[in-house]
Amino acid sequence: MSRFPTAKHFSSWAGLAPGNNESAGKRRYGRTTKGNITLKTTLIQCAKAAVKKTDSFLSAQYQRLVVRRGANRATVAVAHTMLISIYHMLKNNVPFTDLGADYYNRFNTQSKIQHYLKKLKQLGWELDSATIPTAAV
């Protein structure tokens, strides 16, 4: 992996680097870069298989992105994540460690609680201060 100085160089070579089309402060759709077609196709097929395994980080990432970006873009994002993981596994000679399906839920728990309480209040649900949980840090 010494040929590629960073994981970004590796993903660009593979053709899974996200495109960037920005002008006048507006970000528009950018295609992925051209790269190694065989590796790109294989990783996308692996990503489609990986998202079917429930209770995994890749599946959670896919479910989080598919709502906003669509199925194909979410699959490419998962393939990009897999490629970055492969880069670091090969470079540092470490095994794969799944971060878990609740990885994204472990951040900003107190602000998420406040957000959902605000939503409940907007829906007409009244809560007293005794029933409001506090997040364990």
Protein backbone atom coordinates (compact mmCIF):
# COMPACT_ATOMS: atom_id res chain seq x y z
CA MET A 1 0.00 0.00 0.00
CA SER A 2 3.04 2.27 -0.11
CA ARG A 3 2.07 3.25 -3.64
CA PHE A 4 -0.83 5.29 -2.24
CA PRO A 5 0.10 7.95 0.33
CA THR A 6 -3.43 8.21 1.75
CA ALA A 7 -6.73 6.38 1.62
CA LYS A 8 -8.12 9.21 -0.50
CA HIS A 9 -5.54 8.52 -3.21
CA PHE A 10 -6.48 4.84 -3.11
CA SER A 11 -10.21 5.55 -3.42
CA SER A 12 -9.55 7.95 -6.29
CA TRP A 13 -7.53 5.31 -8.12
CA ALA A 14 -10.29 2.76 -7.58
CA GLY A 15 -12.93 5.14 -8.91
CA LEU A 16 -14.91 5.44 -5.70
CA ALA A 17 -13.90 8.94 -4.66
CA PRO A 18 -16.90 11.21 -4.40
CA GLY A 19 -17.12 13.81 -7.12
CA ASN A 20 -17.00 17.51 -6.41
CA ASN A 21 -18.85 20.05 -8.52
CA GLU A 22 -19.01 23.38 -6.73
CA SER A 23 -19.44 26.80 -8.21
CA ALA A 24 -20.46 30.10 -6.63
CA GLY A 25 -20.84 28.40 -3.26
CA LYS A 26 -23.39 25.88 -4.53
CA ARG A 27 -22.64 22.17 -4.35
CA ARG A 28 -24.12 20.18 -7.20
CA TYR A 29 -24.17 16.54 -8.15
CA GLY A 30 -20.69 15.21 -8.82
CA ARG A 31 -19.99 11.85 -10.40
CA THR A 32 -17.49 9.41 -8.95
CA THR A 33 -14.08 9.50 -10.54
CA LYS A 34 -13.02 7.18 -13.33
CA GLY A 35 -10.84 4.39 -12.06
CA ASN A 36 -10.27 0.67 -11.94
CA ILE A 37 -13.57 -0.68 -13.31
CA THR A 38 -13.04 -4.23 -12.08
CA LEU A 39 -12.30 -3.18 -8.51
CA LYS A 40 -15.14 -0.66 -8.49
CA THR A 41 -17.68 -3.20 -9.75
CA THR A 42 -16.51 -5.84 -7.29
CA LEU A 43 -16.70 -3.47 -4.34
CA ILE A 44 -20.20 -2.33 -5.27
CA GLN A 45 -21.35 -5.94 -5.44
CA CYS A 46 -19.73 -6.57 -2.06
CA ALA A 47 -21.42 -3.47 -0.66
CA LYS A 48 -24.82 -4.71 -1.83
CA ALA A 49 -24.19 -7.97 -0.02
CA ALA A 50 -22.82 -6.26 3.09
CA VAL A 51 -25.87 -4.06 3.64
CA LYS A 52 -28.06 -7.14 3.93
CA LYS A 53 -26.30 -8.18 7.13
CA THR A 54 -28.31 -6.63 9.92
CA ASP A 55 -26.66 -5.23 13.05
CA SER A 56 -23.56 -4.06 11.22
CA PHE A 57 -22.02 -0.65 10.71
CA LEU A 58 -22.26 -0.86 6.93
CA SER A 59 -25.95 -1.72 7.05
CA ALA A 60 -26.59 1.17 9.45
CA GLN A 61 -24.69 3.54 7.18
CA TYR A 62 -26.71 2.39 4.18
CA GLN A 63 -30.02 2.79 6.01
CA ARG A 64 -29.02 6.28 7.14
CA LEU A 65 -28.04 7.40 3.63
CA VAL A 66 -30.65 5.67 1.47
CA VAL A 67 -33.39 7.95 2.80
CA ARG A 68 -31.65 11.13 1.68
CA ARG A 69 -29.51 10.04 -1.28
CA GLY A 70 -31.19 7.01 -2.85
CA ALA A 71 -30.21 3.36 -3.12
CA ASN A 72 -27.46 3.63 -5.72
CA ARG A 73 -25.63 6.53 -4.10
CA ALA A 74 -25.90 4.91 -0.69
CA THR A 75 -24.43 1.70 -2.11
CA VAL A 76 -21.49 3.61 -3.61
CA ALA A 77 -20.94 5.33 -0.25
CA VAL A 78 -20.84 1.94 1.50
CA ALA A 79 -18.40 0.65 -1.13
CA HIS A 80 -16.22 3.72 -0.51
CA THR A 81 -16.27 3.01 3.24
CA MET A 82 -15.32 -0.60 2.59
CA LEU A 83 -12.42 0.52 0.39
CA ILE A 84 -11.13 2.90 3.06
CA SER A 85 -11.34 0.07 5.61
CA ILE A 86 -9.47 -2.28 3.28
CA TYR A 87 -6.75 0.33 2.80
CA HIS A 88 -6.19 0.72 6.53
CA MET A 89 -6.36 -3.04 7.15
CA LEU A 90 -3.69 -3.73 4.54
CA LYS A 91 -1.49 -0.79 5.47
CA ASN A 92 -1.53 -1.37 9.24
CA ASN A 93 -1.91 -5.17 9.12
CA VAL A 94 -4.93 -5.20 11.44
CA PRO A 95 -8.13 -7.28 11.25
CA PHE A 96 -11.52 -5.78 10.45
CA THR A 97 -13.49 -4.54 13.43
CA ASP A 98 -17.15 -3.78 12.91
CA LEU A 99 -18.21 -0.58 14.67
CA GLY A 100 -21.74 -1.85 15.24
CA ALA A 101 -25.19 -0.81 14.12
CA ASP A 102 -25.56 1.70 16.96
CA TYR A 103 -22.39 3.61 16.05
CA TYR A 104 -24.24 6.71 14.85
CA ASN A 105 -26.59 6.69 17.85
CA ARG A 106 -23.73 6.95 20.34
CA PHE A 107 -23.02 10.59 19.46
CA ASN A 108 -24.80 13.65 20.87
CA THR A 109 -27.30 11.63 22.86
CA GLN A 110 -28.39 14.58 25.01
CA SER A 111 -29.09 16.79 21.98
CA LYS A 112 -31.00 13.95 20.31
CA ILE A 113 -33.15 13.56 23.44
CA GLN A 114 -33.88 17.29 23.43
CA HIS A 115 -34.72 17.18 19.71
CA TYR A 116 -37.19 14.32 20.12
CA LEU A 117 -38.75 15.94 23.19
CA LYS A 118 -39.28 19.11 21.17
CA LYS A 119 -40.90 17.07 18.38
CA LEU A 120 -43.20 15.35 20.90
CA LYS A 121 -44.19 18.73 22.30
CA GLN A 122 -45.02 19.97 18.79
CA LEU A 123 -47.24 16.93 18.32
CA GLY A 124 -49.15 17.80 21.48
CA TRP A 125 -47.56 15.37 23.90
CA GLU A 126 -47.00 16.97 27.30
CA LEU A 127 -44.18 15.68 29.48
CA ASP A 128 -43.43 16.55 33.08
CA SER A 129 -39.84 17.13 34.16
CA ALA A 130 -39.78 13.99 36.33
CA THR A 131 -40.14 11.64 33.34
CA ILE A 132 -37.45 13.25 31.16
CA PRO A 133 -34.42 10.93 31.08
CA THR A 134 -30.88 12.18 31.17
CA ALA A 135 -28.25 10.68 28.92
CA ALA A 136 -25.54 8.59 30.50
CA VAL A 137 -22.17 9.88 29.48
